Amino acid sequence: MSYRKILAIFVSLLVASVGFAQVHSFDRFSQVSDYADSLDNSNELHYIISNGPVSSDGSCSGWNYVYYSPFSNNFTLVAALCDEVRDIVVSTPFSQRLPSQYNILTAPFVNSDTAIWIASAHGGTAFVSSHFDVRTYVAYATFGAVPANPSRRLCIVSYVASIGIDTIYQDHIIDMHTAEYLGMRQTPVISPRGELLHSFRLAANYPNPFNPTTTISYSLHHSAPVNLSVFDVTGRKIQTLVDRQQPAGEYTVTFDGNALSSGTYFYRLESGHDVQVRRMQLTK
């Protein structure tokens, strides 16, 4: 069972918080563990899922800890909200899908503020800058995540954005104990005819300000000649980064300003009749 399917199964069970306090994923771990043991001392922790979107500092209104009991064959969702801990017992045959050998989640693990920081540094910030109405979720899993590895316990930071009536996900995979970054997976948007959907968009470079390199991301909605160039404040072209035919899709290039002096520069994306320009700051 994939991480995305598991998240969809439990999303309807997430308990809404009535308070305004924000907590991180590890803040209530001890309290939740004691509570789960009091319900059934055979409970094993398999998932931790943010109770709604996560702020840029990794905090959320609550966290949902999903336990499985081999004794009772139940999944129990323990919701650690800002002001209380509560449970929902779910009778389910999911145990038939569990692998024959699996790990359980254990403490200590990477707190959600660290997870957000790691994901942001590996493309999360660029994704947020290039899409509208992005929501961020954090989950921890022992299996059903990507990449599949029974020895790993994983933290997944998911950025979710809407493009028209469609939704696109960008998942960042982190080892939840070592904080090692394991990779990123982005779900393409598919039209009813089975075509990939993209929009023409030039994202804000990251980092910005930068020294001496920065990453520029852009997307194309159809195949066309593409020119991506950098200019100084006088309009003089400094460097051409891309000048070729490209199919629809999402692209990333690196700009190196090592030979340039500090200052403001502009980068311009042109594809057919579509043109977008953004500003960046080189600080040495």
C-alpha atoms as a PDB file:
ATOM      1  CA  MET A   1       0.000   0.000   0.000  1.00  0.00           C
ATOM      2  CA  SER A   2       1.534   3.358  -0.995  1.00  0.00           C
ATOM      3  CA  TYR A   3       2.068   6.253   1.401  1.00  0.00           C
ATOM      4  CA  ARG A   4      -0.355   8.386  -0.635  1.00  0.00           C
ATOM      5  CA  LYS A   5      -3.150   5.787  -0.306  1.00  0.00           C
ATOM      6  CA  ILE A   6      -2.535   5.387   3.408  1.00  0.00           C
ATOM      7  CA  LEU A   7      -2.681   9.142   3.911  1.00  0.00           C
ATOM      8  CA  ALA A   8      -5.990   9.246   2.016  1.00  0.00           C
ATOM      9  CA  ILE A   9      -7.436   6.487   4.208  1.00  0.00           C
ATOM     10  CA  PHE A  10      -6.767   8.346   7.419  1.00  0.00           C
ATOM     11  CA  VAL A  11      -7.431  11.900   6.257  1.00  0.00           C
ATOM     12  CA  SER A  12     -11.162  11.470   6.879  1.00  0.00           C
ATOM     13  CA  LEU A  13     -10.388  10.540  10.495  1.00  0.00           C
ATOM     14  CA  LEU A  14      -8.255  13.552  11.335  1.00  0.00           C
ATOM     15  CA  VAL A  15      -9.676  15.327  14.363  1.00  0.00           C
ATOM     16  CA  ALA A  16     -10.132  19.077  14.097  1.00  0.00           C
ATOM     17  CA  SER A  17      -8.525  21.189  16.816  1.00  0.00           C
ATOM     18  CA  VAL A  18     -10.581  23.815  18.609  1.00  0.00           C
ATOM     19  CA  GLY A  19      -7.592  25.782  19.904  1.00  0.00           C
ATOM     20  CA  PHE A  20      -5.013  28.055  18.371  1.00  0.00           C
ATOM     21  CA  ALA A  21      -1.817  26.692  19.933  1.00  0.00           C
ATOM     22  CA  GLN A  22       0.657  25.104  17.552  1.00  0.00           C
ATOM     23  CA  VAL A  23       2.786  22.051  18.366  1.00  0.00           C
ATOM     24  CA  HIS A  24       5.566  20.134  16.649  1.00  0.00           C
ATOM     25  CA  SER A  25       5.470  16.436  15.867  1.00  0.00           C
ATOM     26  CA  PHE A  26       7.745  15.342  18.721  1.00  0.00           C
ATOM     27  CA  ASP A  27       6.368  17.687  21.411  1.00  0.00           C
ATOM     28  CA  ARG A  28       3.594  15.340  22.611  1.00  0.00           C
ATOM     29  CA  PHE A  29       5.258  12.001  21.866  1.00  0.00           C
ATOM     30  CA  SER A  30       5.676  10.834  25.476  1.00  0.00           C
ATOM     31  CA  GLN A  31       2.135  11.784  26.443  1.00  0.00           C
ATOM     32  CA  VAL A  32       0.667  10.058  23.389  1.00  0.00           C
ATOM     33  CA  SER A  33       2.749   6.913  23.954  1.00  0.00           C
ATOM     34  CA  ASP A  34       1.549   6.608  27.556  1.00  0.00           C
ATOM     35  CA  TYR A  35      -2.040   7.127  26.430  1.00  0.00           C
ATOM     36  CA  ALA A  36      -1.769   4.490  23.674  1.00  0.00           C
ATOM     37  CA  ASP A  37      -0.306   1.988  26.152  1.00  0.00           C
ATOM     38  CA  SER A  38      -3.204   2.599  28.515  1.00  0.00           C
ATOM     39  CA  LEU A  39      -5.624   1.668  25.728  1.00  0.00           C
ATOM     40  CA  ASP A  40      -3.774  -1.481  24.645  1.00  0.00           C
ATOM     41  CA  ASN A  41      -0.236  -2.310  25.694  1.00  0.00           C
ATOM     42  CA  SER A  42       0.308  -4.210  22.440  1.00  0.00           C
ATOM     43  CA  ASN A  43      -0.125  -1.032  20.363  1.00  0.00           C
ATOM     44  CA  GLU A  44       2.649  -0.400  17.831  1.00  0.00           C
ATOM     45  CA  LEU A  45       3.192   3.068  16.356  1.00  0.00           C
ATOM     46  CA  HIS A  46       3.254   3.018  12.535  1.00  0.00           C
ATOM     47  CA  TYR A  47       2.304   6.517  11.350  1.00  0.00           C
ATOM     48  CA  ILE A  48       2.368  10.120  12.518  1.00  0.00           C
ATOM     49  CA  ILE A  49       0.379  12.516  10.314  1.00  0.00           C
ATOM     50  CA  SER A  50      -0.057  16.261  10.696  1.00  0.00           C
ATOM     51  CA  ASN A  51      -3.598  17.265  11.582  1.00  0.00           C
ATOM     52  CA  GLY A  52      -3.948  19.710   8.699  1.00  0.00           C
ATOM     53  CA  PRO A  53      -1.409  22.005   6.999  1.00  0.00           C
ATOM     54  CA  VAL A  54       1.935  22.615   8.714  1.00  0.00           C
ATOM     55  CA  SER A  55       3.376  26.110   9.180  1.00  0.00           C
ATOM     56  CA  SER A  56       6.778  27.107   7.830  1.00  0.00           C
ATOM     57  CA  ASP A  57       8.262  26.553  11.311  1.00  0.00           C
ATOM     58  CA  GLY A  58       7.014  22.933  11.357  1.00  0.00           C
ATOM     59  CA  SER A  59       4.167  23.495  13.812  1.00  0.00           C
ATOM     60  CA  CYS A  60       0.567  22.359  13.402  1.00  0.00           C
ATOM     61  CA  SER A  61      -2.678  22.492  15.368  1.00  0.00           C
ATOM     62  CA  GLY A  62      -2.247  18.822  16.197  1.00  0.00           C
ATOM     63  CA  TRP A  63      -0.715  15.490  15.210  1.00  0.00           C
ATOM     64  CA  ASN A  64      -2.343  12.122  14.611  1.00  0.00           C
ATOM     65  CA  TYR A  65      -0.486   9.045  15.819  1.00  0.00           C
ATOM     66  CA  VAL A  66      -1.661   5.813  14.187  1.00  0.00           C
ATOM     67  CA  TYR A  67      -1.162   2.625  16.204  1.00  0.00           C
ATOM     68  CA  TYR A  68      -1.784  -0.969  15.221  1.00  0.00           C
ATOM     69  CA  SER A  69      -2.507  -3.704  17.754  1.00  0.00           C
ATOM     70  CA  PRO A  70      -1.702  -7.262  16.590  1.00  0.00           C
ATOM     71  CA  PHE A  71      -3.684  -8.503  19.581  1.00  0.00           C
ATOM     72  CA  SER A  72      -6.998  -6.794  18.772  1.00  0.00           C
ATOM     73  CA  ASN A  73      -6.419  -6.355  15.000  1.00  0.00           C
ATOM     74  CA  ASN A  74      -7.344  -2.675  15.342  1.00  0.00           C
ATOM     75  CA  PHE A  75      -5.829   0.542  14.147  1.00  0.00           C
ATOM     76  CA  THR A  76      -6.133   3.295  16.758  1.00  0.00           C
ATOM     77  CA  LEU A  77      -5.721   6.927  15.817  1.00  0.00           C
ATOM     78  CA  VAL A  78      -4.584   9.004  18.784  1.00  0.00           C
ATOM     79  CA  ALA A  79      -4.989  12.719  18.124  1.00  0.00           C
ATOM     80  CA  ALA A  80      -2.612  14.996  20.049  1.00  0.00           C
ATOM     81  CA  LEU A  81      -4.232  18.410  19.795  1.00  0.00           C
ATOM     82  CA  CYS A  82      -3.181  21.689  21.340  1.00  0.00           C
ATOM     83  CA  ASP A  83      -5.200  21.088  24.498  1.00  0.00           C
ATOM     84  CA  GLU A  84      -6.028  17.376  24.728  1.00  0.00           C
ATOM     85  CA  VAL A  85      -5.309  13.826  23.598  1.00  0.00           C
ATOM     86  CA  ARG A  86      -8.154  11.674  22.276  1.00  0.00           C
ATOM     87  CA  ASP A  87      -8.523   8.400  20.423  1.00  0.00           C
ATOM     88  CA  ILE A  88     -10.607   6.780  17.680  1.00  0.00           C
ATOM     89  CA  VAL A  89     -10.573   2.978  17.473  1.00  0.00           C
ATOM     90  CA  VAL A  90     -10.968   1.698  13.931  1.00  0.00           C
ATOM     91  CA  SER A  91     -11.738  -1.992  13.347  1.00  0.00           C
ATOM     92  CA  THR A  92     -10.041  -2.843  10.091  1.00  0.00           C
ATOM     93  CA  PRO A  93      -8.581  -5.725   8.050  1.00  0.00           C
ATOM     94  CA  PHE A  94      -5.527  -3.622   7.107  1.00  0.00           C
ATOM     95  CA  SER A  95      -3.271  -6.080   8.941  1.00  0.00           C
ATOM     96  CA  GLN A  96      -3.630  -8.455   5.983  1.00  0.00           C
ATOM     97  CA  ARG A  97      -1.665  -5.952   3.917  1.00  0.00           C
ATOM     98  CA  LEU A  98       1.174  -5.445   6.379  1.00  0.00           C
ATOM     99  CA  PRO A  99       4.521  -6.874   5.230  1.00  0.00           C
ATOM    100  CA  SER A 100       5.690  -9.995   7.011  1.00  0.00           C
ATOM    101  CA  GLN A 101       8.594  -8.041   8.486  1.00  0.00           C
ATOM    102  CA  TYR A 102       8.293  -4.394   9.430  1.00  0.00           C
ATOM    103  CA  ASN A 103       9.574  -1.806  11.875  1.00  0.00           C
ATOM    104  CA  ILE A 104       7.668   0.410  14.269  1.00  0.00           C
ATOM    105  CA  LEU A 105       8.253   4.098  14.869  1.00  0.00           C
ATOM    106  CA  THR A 106      10.498   4.847  17.822  1.00  0.00           C
ATOM    107  CA  ALA A 107      11.842   7.948  19.530  1.00  0.00           C
ATOM    108  CA  PRO A 108      13.803  10.085  19.231  1.00  0.00           C
ATOM    109  CA  PHE A 109      13.108  11.238  15.673  1.00  0.00           C
ATOM    110  CA  VAL A 110      13.516  14.335  13.534  1.00  0.00           C
ATOM    111  CA  ASN A 111      11.115  16.997  14.753  1.00  0.00           C
ATOM    112  CA  SER A 112       8.837  18.598  12.179  1.00  0.00           C
ATOM    113  CA  ASP A 113      10.641  21.964  12.258  1.00  0.00           C
ATOM    114  CA  THR A 114      13.870  20.241  11.171  1.00  0.00           C
ATOM    115  CA  ALA A 115      11.992  18.234   8.529  1.00  0.00           C
ATOM    116  CA  ILE A 116      10.490  21.400   7.010  1.00  0.00           C
ATOM    117  CA  TRP A 117      13.915  23.057   6.952  1.00  0.00           C
ATOM    118  CA  ILE A 118      15.474  20.075   5.146  1.00  0.00           C
ATOM    119  CA  ALA A 119      12.653  19.848   2.574  1.00  0.00           C
ATOM    120  CA  SER A 120      12.749  23.607   1.955  1.00  0.00           C
ATOM    121  CA  ALA A 121      16.462  23.466   1.198  1.00  0.00           C
ATOM    122  CA  HIS A 122      15.950  20.662  -1.346  1.00  0.00           C
ATOM    123  CA  GLY A 123      13.331  22.287  -3.550  1.00  0.00           C
ATOM    124  CA  GLY A 124      10.370  22.892  -1.253  1.00  0.00           C
ATOM    125  CA  THR A 125      10.842  26.656  -1.250  1.00  0.00           C
ATOM    126  CA  ALA A 126      11.050  26.712  -5.047  1.00  0.00           C
ATOM    127  CA  PHE A 127       7.853  24.626  -5.283  1.00  0.00           C
ATOM    128  CA  VAL A 128       5.999  27.019  -2.964  1.00  0.00           C
ATOM    129  CA  SER A 129       7.218  30.013  -4.969  1.00  0.00           C
ATOM    130  CA  SER A 130       6.099  28.558  -8.299  1.00  0.00           C
ATOM    131  CA  HIS A 131       2.585  27.423  -7.292  1.00  0.00           C
ATOM    132  CA  PHE A 132      -0.444  29.065  -5.747  1.00  0.00           C
ATOM    133  CA  ASP A 133      -2.214  28.038  -2.540  1.00  0.00           C
ATOM    134  CA  VAL A 134       0.396  25.478  -1.475  1.00  0.00           C
ATOM    135  CA  ARG A 135      -0.390  23.407   1.625  1.00  0.00           C
ATOM    136  CA  THR A 136       2.330  21.531   3.502  1.00  0.00           C
ATOM    137  CA  TYR A 137       1.862  18.250   5.377  1.00  0.00           C
ATOM    138  CA  VAL A 138       4.286  16.105   7.359  1.00  0.00           C
ATOM    139  CA  ALA A 139       4.009  12.369   7.973  1.00  0.00           C
ATOM    140  CA  TYR A 140       6.183   9.631   9.430  1.00  0.00           C
ATOM    141  CA  ALA A 141       5.893   6.043   8.222  1.00  0.00           C
ATOM    142  CA  THR A 142       7.523   2.621   8.619  1.00  0.00           C
ATOM    143  CA  PHE A 143       6.363   1.186   5.308  1.00  0.00           C
ATOM    144  CA  GLY A 144       4.255   2.115   2.291  1.00  0.00           C
ATOM    145  CA  ALA A 145       6.470   5.116   1.628  1.00  0.00           C
ATOM    146  CA  VAL A 146       9.021   5.866  -1.079  1.00  0.00           C
ATOM    147  CA  PRO A 147      11.767   4.743  -1.397  1.00  0.00           C
ATOM    148  CA  ALA A 148      10.745   1.273  -0.210  1.00  0.00           C
ATOM    149  CA  ASN A 149      13.259   0.010   2.312  1.00  0.00           C
ATOM    150  CA  PRO A 150      12.190  -2.098   5.305  1.00  0.00           C
ATOM    151  CA  SER A 151      15.179  -0.904   7.327  1.00  0.00           C
ATOM    152  CA  ARG A 152      14.197   2.759   7.005  1.00  0.00           C
ATOM    153  CA  ARG A 153      11.854   4.784   9.147  1.00  0.00           C
ATOM    154  CA  LEU A 154      10.862   7.739   7.021  1.00  0.00           C
ATOM    155  CA  CYS A 155       9.646  11.301   7.367  1.00  0.00           C
ATOM    156  CA  ILE A 156       7.719  12.620   4.355  1.00  0.00           C
ATOM    157  CA  VAL A 157       7.199  16.349   3.821  1.00  0.00           C
ATOM    158  CA  SER A 158       4.463  16.817   1.216  1.00  0.00           C
ATOM    159  CA  TYR A 159       3.756  20.054  -0.626  1.00  0.00           C
ATOM    160  CA  VAL A 160       0.293  20.076  -2.209  1.00  0.00           C
ATOM    161  CA  ALA A 161      -0.781  22.623  -4.829  1.00  0.00           C
ATOM    162  CA  SER A 162      -3.805  23.027  -7.078  1.00  0.00           C
ATOM    163  CA  ILE A 163      -3.616  23.603 -10.824  1.00  0.00           C
ATOM    164  CA  GLY A 164      -7.158  24.218 -12.006  1.00  0.00           C
ATOM    165  CA  ILE A 165      -9.242  21.279 -10.839  1.00  0.00           C
ATOM    166  CA  ASP A 166      -6.157  19.079 -10.519  1.00  0.00           C
ATOM    167  CA  THR A 167      -3.720  18.574  -7.650  1.00  0.00           C
ATOM    168  CA  ILE A 168       0.041  18.146  -7.762  1.00  0.00           C
ATOM    169  CA  TYR A 169       2.199  16.733  -4.943  1.00  0.00           C
ATOM    170  CA  GLN A 170       5.883  17.090  -4.201  1.00  0.00           C
ATOM    171  CA  ASP A 171       7.099  14.621  -1.564  1.00  0.00           C
ATOM    172  CA  HIS A 172      10.484  14.988   0.162  1.00  0.00           C
ATOM    173  CA  ILE A 173      11.763  11.802   1.815  1.00  0.00           C
ATOM    174  CA  ILE A 174      13.962  12.063   4.936  1.00  0.00           C
ATOM    175  CA  ASP A 175      15.357   9.400   7.244  1.00  0.00           C
ATOM    176  CA  MET A 176      13.443  10.205  10.417  1.00  0.00           C
ATOM    177  CA  HIS A 177      16.297   9.255  12.761  1.00  0.00           C
ATOM    178  CA  THR A 178      19.440  10.419  10.949  1.00  0.00           C
ATOM    179  CA  ALA A 179      17.914  13.415   9.093  1.00  0.00           C
ATOM    180  CA  GLU A 180      19.548  12.124   5.888  1.00  0.00           C
ATOM    181  CA  TYR A 181      17.801  13.485   2.789  1.00  0.00           C
ATOM    182  CA  LEU A 182      16.804  10.505   0.618  1.00  0.00           C
ATOM    183  CA  GLY A 183      15.184  12.149  -2.383  1.00  0.00           C
ATOM    184  CA  MET A 184      12.128  13.820  -3.852  1.00  0.00           C
ATOM    185  CA  ARG A 185       9.131  12.566  -5.815  1.00  0.00           C
ATOM    186  CA  GLN A 186       6.743  14.859  -7.651  1.00  0.00           C
ATOM    187  CA  THR A 187       3.399  13.591  -8.844  1.00  0.00           C
ATOM    188  CA  PRO A 188       2.599  14.862 -12.349  1.00  0.00           C
ATOM    189  CA  VAL A 189      -0.799  16.338 -13.110  1.00  0.00           C
ATOM    190  CA  ILE A 190      -2.722  14.231 -15.623  1.00  0.00           C
ATOM    191  CA  SER A 191      -5.609  15.451 -17.780  1.00  0.00           C
ATOM    192  CA  PRO A 192      -8.710  13.301 -18.460  1.00  0.00           C
ATOM    193  CA  ARG A 193      -7.117  12.383 -21.805  1.00  0.00           C
ATOM    194  CA  GLY A 194      -3.996  11.121 -20.060  1.00  0.00           C
ATOM    195  CA  GLU A 195      -1.878  14.167 -20.943  1.00  0.00           C
ATOM    196  CA  LEU A 196       0.511  15.872 -18.548  1.00  0.00           C
ATOM    197  CA  LEU A 197      -0.765  19.306 -17.559  1.00  0.00           C
ATOM    198  CA  HIS A 198       1.683  22.174 -17.000  1.00  0.00           C
ATOM    199  CA  SER A 199       1.430  25.947 -16.929  1.00  0.00           C
ATOM    200  CA  PHE A 200       3.888  28.527 -18.237  1.00  0.00           C
ATOM    201  CA  ARG A 201       5.544  29.777 -15.091  1.00  0.00           C
ATOM    202  CA  LEU A 202       8.877  31.219 -14.003  1.00  0.00           C
ATOM    203  CA  ALA A 203       9.545  30.574 -10.317  1.00  0.00           C
ATOM    204  CA  ALA A 204      11.456  32.740  -7.866  1.00  0.00           C
ATOM    205  CA  ASN A 205      15.094  31.680  -7.743  1.00  0.00           C
ATOM    206  CA  TYR A 206      16.361  29.961  -4.610  1.00  0.00           C
ATOM    207  CA  PRO A 207      18.242  30.975  -2.603  1.00  0.00           C
ATOM    208  CA  ASN A 208      17.728  34.714  -3.028  1.00  0.00           C
ATOM    209  CA  PRO A 209      19.877  36.641  -2.176  1.00  0.00           C
ATOM    210  CA  PHE A 210      22.555  34.160  -3.307  1.00  0.00           C
ATOM    211  CA  ASN A 211      26.334  33.745  -3.440  1.00  0.00           C
ATOM    212  CA  PRO A 212      27.508  32.592  -5.877  1.00  0.00           C
ATOM    213  CA  THR A 213      24.965  30.073  -7.246  1.00  0.00           C
ATOM    214  CA  THR A 214      21.183  29.931  -7.289  1.00  0.00           C
ATOM    215  CA  THR A 215      18.539  27.635  -8.776  1.00  0.00           C
ATOM    216  CA  ILE A 216      15.926  28.801 -11.289  1.00  0.00           C
ATOM    217  CA  SER A 217      12.859  26.655 -11.984  1.00  0.00           C
ATOM    218  CA  TYR A 218      10.273  27.048 -14.718  1.00  0.00           C
ATOM    219  CA  SER A 219       7.490  25.098 -16.410  1.00  0.00           C
ATOM    220  CA  LEU A 220       6.145  24.989 -19.984  1.00  0.00           C
ATOM    221  CA  HIS A 221       2.589  24.170 -21.027  1.00  0.00           C
ATOM    222  CA  HIS A 222       3.536  23.045 -24.546  1.00  0.00           C
ATOM    223  CA  SER A 223       6.568  22.302 -26.685  1.00  0.00           C
ATOM    224  CA  ALA A 224       8.212  25.487 -27.962  1.00  0.00           C
ATOM    225  CA  PRO A 225      11.542  27.273 -28.437  1.00  0.00           C
ATOM    226  CA  VAL A 226      12.739  28.429 -25.015  1.00  0.00           C
ATOM    227  CA  ASN A 227      15.160  31.188 -24.080  1.00  0.00           C
ATOM    228  CA  LEU A 228      16.190  31.834 -20.474  1.00  0.00           C
ATOM    229  CA  SER A 229      18.703  34.646 -20.059  1.00  0.00           C
ATOM    230  CA  VAL A 230      20.166  36.816 -17.293  1.00  0.00           C
ATOM    231  CA  PHE A 231      20.476  40.629 -17.554  1.00  0.00           C
ATOM    232  CA  ASP A 232      21.991  43.384 -15.426  1.00  0.00           C
ATOM    233  CA  VAL A 233      20.120  46.523 -14.338  1.00  0.00           C
ATOM    234  CA  THR A 234      21.086  48.334 -17.563  1.00  0.00           C
ATOM    235  CA  GLY A 235      19.425  45.651 -19.694  1.00  0.00           C
ATOM    236  CA  ARG A 236      22.714  44.162 -20.908  1.00  0.00           C
ATOM    237  CA  LYS A 237      22.560  40.402 -21.369  1.00  0.00           C
ATOM    238  CA  ILE A 238      24.953  38.666 -18.987  1.00  0.00           C
ATOM    239  CA  GLN A 239      24.411  35.019 -19.831  1.00  0.00           C
ATOM    240  CA  THR A 240      22.066  32.737 -21.763  1.00  0.00           C
ATOM    241  CA  LEU A 241      21.124  29.723 -19.653  1.00  0.00           C
ATOM    242  CA  VAL A 242      18.752  27.980 -22.076  1.00  0.00           C
ATOM    243  CA  ASP A 243      18.244  28.478 -25.808  1.00  0.00           C
ATOM    244  CA  ARG A 244      16.616  25.471 -27.429  1.00  0.00           C
ATOM    245  CA  GLN A 245      13.356  23.665 -28.164  1.00  0.00           C
ATOM    246  CA  GLN A 246      11.868  22.003 -25.080  1.00  0.00           C
ATOM    247  CA  PRO A 247       8.733  19.882 -24.560  1.00  0.00           C
ATOM    248  CA  ALA A 248       6.063  20.675 -21.973  1.00  0.00           C
ATOM    249  CA  GLY A 249       7.263  19.975 -18.450  1.00  0.00           C
ATOM    250  CA  GLU A 250       9.117  21.352 -15.448  1.00  0.00           C
ATOM    251  CA  TYR A 251      12.791  22.354 -15.588  1.00  0.00           C
ATOM    252  CA  THR A 252      15.530  23.516 -13.232  1.00  0.00           C
ATOM    253  CA  VAL A 253      18.810  25.247 -14.078  1.00  0.00           C
ATOM    254  CA  THR A 254      21.647  26.613 -11.960  1.00  0.00           C
ATOM    255  CA  PHE A 255      23.024  30.117 -12.420  1.00  0.00           C
ATOM    256  CA  ASP A 256      26.590  30.793 -11.297  1.00  0.00           C
ATOM    257  CA  GLY A 257      27.368  34.437 -10.520  1.00  0.00           C
ATOM    258  CA  ASN A 258      30.927  33.822  -9.398  1.00  0.00           C
ATOM    259  CA  ALA A 259      32.366  36.125 -12.076  1.00  0.00           C
ATOM    260  CA  LEU A 260      29.903  38.924 -11.364  1.00  0.00           C
ATOM    261  CA  SER A 261      29.897  41.713  -8.818  1.00  0.00           C
ATOM    262  CA  SER A 262      27.239  42.103  -6.150  1.00  0.00           C
ATOM    263  CA  GLY A 263      24.027  43.681  -7.329  1.00  0.00           C
ATOM    264  CA  THR A 264      20.571  43.223  -8.760  1.00  0.00           C
ATOM    265  CA  TYR A 265      20.068  41.041 -11.828  1.00  0.00           C
ATOM    266  CA  PHE A 266      17.052  39.961 -13.842  1.00  0.00           C
ATOM    267  CA  TYR A 267      16.282  36.637 -15.493  1.00  0.00           C
ATOM    268  CA  ARG A 268      13.845  36.434 -18.387  1.00  0.00           C
ATOM    269  CA  LEU A 269      11.994  33.369 -19.687  1.00  0.00           C
ATOM    270  CA  GLU A 270      10.578  33.525 -23.216  1.00  0.00           C
ATOM    271  CA  SER A 271       8.639  30.742 -24.946  1.00  0.00           C
ATOM    272  CA  GLY A 272       6.682  31.696 -28.038  1.00  0.00           C
ATOM    273  CA  HIS A 273       4.382  34.573 -27.052  1.00  0.00           C
ATOM    274  CA  ASP A 274       4.846  33.910 -23.317  1.00  0.00           C
ATOM    275  CA  VAL A 275       7.341  36.025 -21.389  1.00  0.00           C
ATOM    276  CA  GLN A 276       8.059  36.309 -17.663  1.00  0.00           C
ATOM    277  CA  VAL A 277      10.787  38.238 -15.830  1.00  0.00           C
ATOM    278  CA  ARG A 278      12.000  38.004 -12.221  1.00  0.00           C
ATOM    279  CA  ARG A 279      14.604  39.799 -10.134  1.00  0.00           C
ATOM    280  CA  MET A 280      17.418  38.262  -8.073  1.00  0.00           C
ATOM    281  CA  GLN A 281      20.101  39.653  -5.785  1.00  0.00           C
ATOM    282  CA  LEU A 282      23.736  38.589  -5.811  1.00  0.00           C
ATOM    283  CA  THR A 283      25.403  39.384  -2.467  1.00  0.00           C
ATOM    284  CA  LYS A 284      29.112  38.711  -1.972  1.00  0.00           C
END
